[in-house]
Protein backbone atom coordinates (compact mmCIF):
# COMPACT_ATOMS: atom_id res chain seq x y z
CA UNK A 1 85.46 44.70 49.41
CA UNK A 2 86.45 43.34 52.18
CA UNK A 3 89.85 44.38 52.58
CA UNK A 4 91.46 47.48 51.26
CA UNK A 5 95.19 48.42 50.42
CA UNK A 6 96.87 52.13 51.11
CA UNK A 7 100.10 52.86 50.27
CA UNK A 8 102.60 55.26 52.00
CA UNK A 9 105.97 56.09 51.25
CA UNK A 10 108.10 56.68 54.48
CA UNK A 11 109.53 60.36 54.71
CA UNK A 12 112.51 61.45 55.74
CA UNK A 13 110.96 63.25 58.93
CA UNK A 14 108.93 60.12 59.51
CA UNK A 15 112.11 58.62 60.94
CA UNK A 16 114.24 58.28 63.90
CA UNK A 17 117.67 59.01 64.71
CA UNK A 18 118.63 55.43 64.06
CA UNK A 19 116.97 56.36 60.47
CA UNK A 20 114.33 54.07 60.45
CA UNK A 21 110.49 54.71 61.18
CA UNK A 22 109.99 55.87 64.03
CA UNK A 23 107.18 53.15 65.56
CA UNK A 24 104.19 55.83 66.27
CA UNK A 25 104.05 56.55 62.88
CA UNK A 26 102.79 53.09 62.00
CA UNK A 27 99.80 53.91 64.51
CA UNK A 28 98.89 56.95 62.44
CA UNK A 29 99.37 54.78 58.88
CA UNK A 30 96.91 52.10 60.64
CA UNK A 31 94.41 54.55 61.19
CA UNK A 32 94.88 56.70 57.87
CA UNK A 33 94.24 52.68 56.30
CA UNK A 34 91.12 52.32 58.60
CA UNK A 35 89.54 55.37 57.43
CA UNK A 36 90.59 54.54 53.54
CA UNK A 37 88.94 51.25 53.96
CA UNK A 38 85.54 52.83 54.59
CA UNK A 39 86.19 55.59 52.14
CA UNK A 40 86.76 53.42 49.44
CA UNK A 41 83.39 51.47 50.12
CA UNK A 42 81.68 54.35 49.78
CA UNK A 43 81.70 55.39 53.57
CA UNK A 44 83.23 58.84 53.86
CA UNK A 45 83.69 60.50 57.13
CA UNK A 46 81.25 63.17 56.27
CA UNK A 47 78.60 60.37 54.77
CA UNK A 48 79.45 58.55 58.29
CA UNK A 49 78.31 61.47 60.13
CA UNK A 50 75.55 62.25 57.69
CA UNK A 51 73.74 59.34 56.23
CA UNK A 52 74.61 57.39 59.88
CA UNK A 53 74.72 59.47 62.58
CA UNK A 54 78.33 58.10 63.54
CA UNK A 55 80.42 60.98 65.23
CA UNK A 56 83.63 58.54 64.58
CA UNK A 57 85.45 55.45 64.27
CA UNK A 58 86.92 55.47 67.99
CA UNK A 59 89.51 53.84 68.80
CA UNK A 60 89.71 51.77 72.22
CA UNK A 61 92.47 49.78 71.37
CA UNK A 62 95.82 49.51 69.34
CA UNK A 63 98.39 47.26 69.18
CA UNK A 64 101.34 46.44 66.59
CA UNK A 65 104.37 43.87 66.24
CA UNK A 66 107.17 44.81 64.37
CA UNK A 67 109.11 42.33 62.11
CA UNK A 68 111.12 44.37 60.49
CA UNK A 69 112.14 47.93 59.54
CA UNK A 70 110.90 50.55 57.13
CA UNK A 71 113.59 53.51 56.07
CA UNK A 72 113.12 56.37 54.37
CA UNK A 73 111.93 56.37 50.40
CA UNK A 74 110.56 52.77 51.52
CA UNK A 75 106.57 52.44 50.46
CA UNK A 76 104.56 50.78 52.62
CA UNK A 77 101.64 48.79 51.60
CA UNK A 78 98.65 48.61 53.86
CA UNK A 79 96.13 45.57 53.93
CA UNK A 80 93.44 46.25 56.26
CA UNK A 81 90.92 43.96 56.68
CA UNK A 82 87.80 43.63 59.15
CA UNK A 83 87.84 40.95 61.17
CA UNK A 84 85.34 40.75 63.49
CA UNK A 85 81.98 42.75 63.74
CA UNK A 86 80.28 43.07 67.09
CA UNK A 87 77.35 45.21 68.14
CA UNK A 88 78.87 48.43 69.06
CA UNK A 89 82.34 47.55 68.39
CA UNK A 90 84.95 46.30 65.49
CA UNK A 91 88.38 44.54 64.89
CA UNK A 92 90.82 45.71 62.36
CA UNK A 93 93.70 43.78 61.23
CA UNK A 94 96.53 45.88 59.40
CA UNK A 95 99.25 43.97 57.63
CA UNK A 96 102.49 46.61 56.47
CA UNK A 97 104.35 45.43 54.37
CA UNK A 98 107.85 46.54 52.59
CA UNK A 99 108.55 45.10 49.27
CA UNK A 100 106.35 42.48 49.35
CA UNK A 101 108.32 41.62 52.95
CA UNK A 102 105.89 41.69 56.17
CA UNK A 103 107.26 44.68 58.43
CA UNK A 104 104.51 45.40 60.86
CA UNK A 105 101.22 43.45 61.75
CA UNK A 106 98.99 45.39 64.02
CA UNK A 107 94.94 45.37 65.14
CA UNK A 108 92.79 47.73 66.65
CA UNK A 109 89.80 47.67 68.13
CA UNK A 110 87.02 50.65 67.56
CA UNK A 111 83.41 51.48 68.82
CA UNK A 112 80.71 52.81 66.54
CA UNK A 113 80.85 56.74 68.47
CA UNK A 114 77.92 58.40 68.25
CA UNK A 115 76.69 61.43 70.73
CA UNK A 116 75.27 61.05 74.40
CA UNK A 117 71.55 62.38 73.69
CA UNK A 118 71.34 64.04 77.36
CA UNK A 119 75.25 66.06 76.58
CA UNK A 120 76.45 65.83 72.67
CA UNK A 121 79.84 67.13 73.70
CA UNK A 122 79.71 63.36 75.45
CA UNK A 123 80.64 60.57 72.98
CA UNK A 124 79.63 56.57 73.46
CA UNK A 125 79.27 53.62 71.81
CA UNK A 126 76.27 53.50 69.76
CA UNK A 127 74.78 50.51 67.55
CA UNK A 128 76.73 49.97 64.53
CA UNK A 129 74.14 50.16 61.20
CA UNK A 130 73.56 46.88 59.47
CA UNK A 131 73.75 48.64 56.02
CA UNK A 132 77.92 49.03 57.41
CA UNK A 133 77.96 45.70 58.49
CA UNK A 134 76.81 44.24 55.17
CA UNK A 135 78.83 46.53 52.75
CA UNK A 136 82.04 45.24 55.17
CA UNK A 137 81.92 42.25 55.62
CA UNK A 138 84.33 40.58 58.29
CA UNK A 139 86.70 38.62 56.49
CA UNK A 140 87.05 36.00 59.10
CA UNK A 141 85.68 35.96 62.56
CA UNK A 142 88.07 36.51 65.13
CA UNK A 143 88.54 34.10 68.07
CA UNK A 144 90.39 36.70 69.70
CA UNK A 145 92.24 39.71 68.85
CA UNK A 146 94.73 40.90 66.12
CA UNK A 147 97.98 40.76 67.08
């Protein structure tokens, strides 16, 4: 599966004074969708740590373009796709729809986080295992960054 869809209902507490979803929540929902993509393919956080030596999928860049508002009660459909694998990092694209209409286009750059052998409390970028790349092939090699 190269993409997954994750649904979120916008709650009253997710909204700002104008009664629209407060923009930082979209980054929280994109993070959840990224983890959902991995879990839907059998790579839960626990499995990534135990079987593949990962300390996480550390976020190093996040971006979004907002097309239309979402309001309390709206169901967001977040489609997440890996668009590029590097040796130690990868790119994700998130398309968030409300009622089939694109509300937000987002992107993330993440690294395969591992522990520094000299200091286990320090994270560093490690080489992404080929088994992960094969299980989650990139939908399209990007020539640049996702929005």
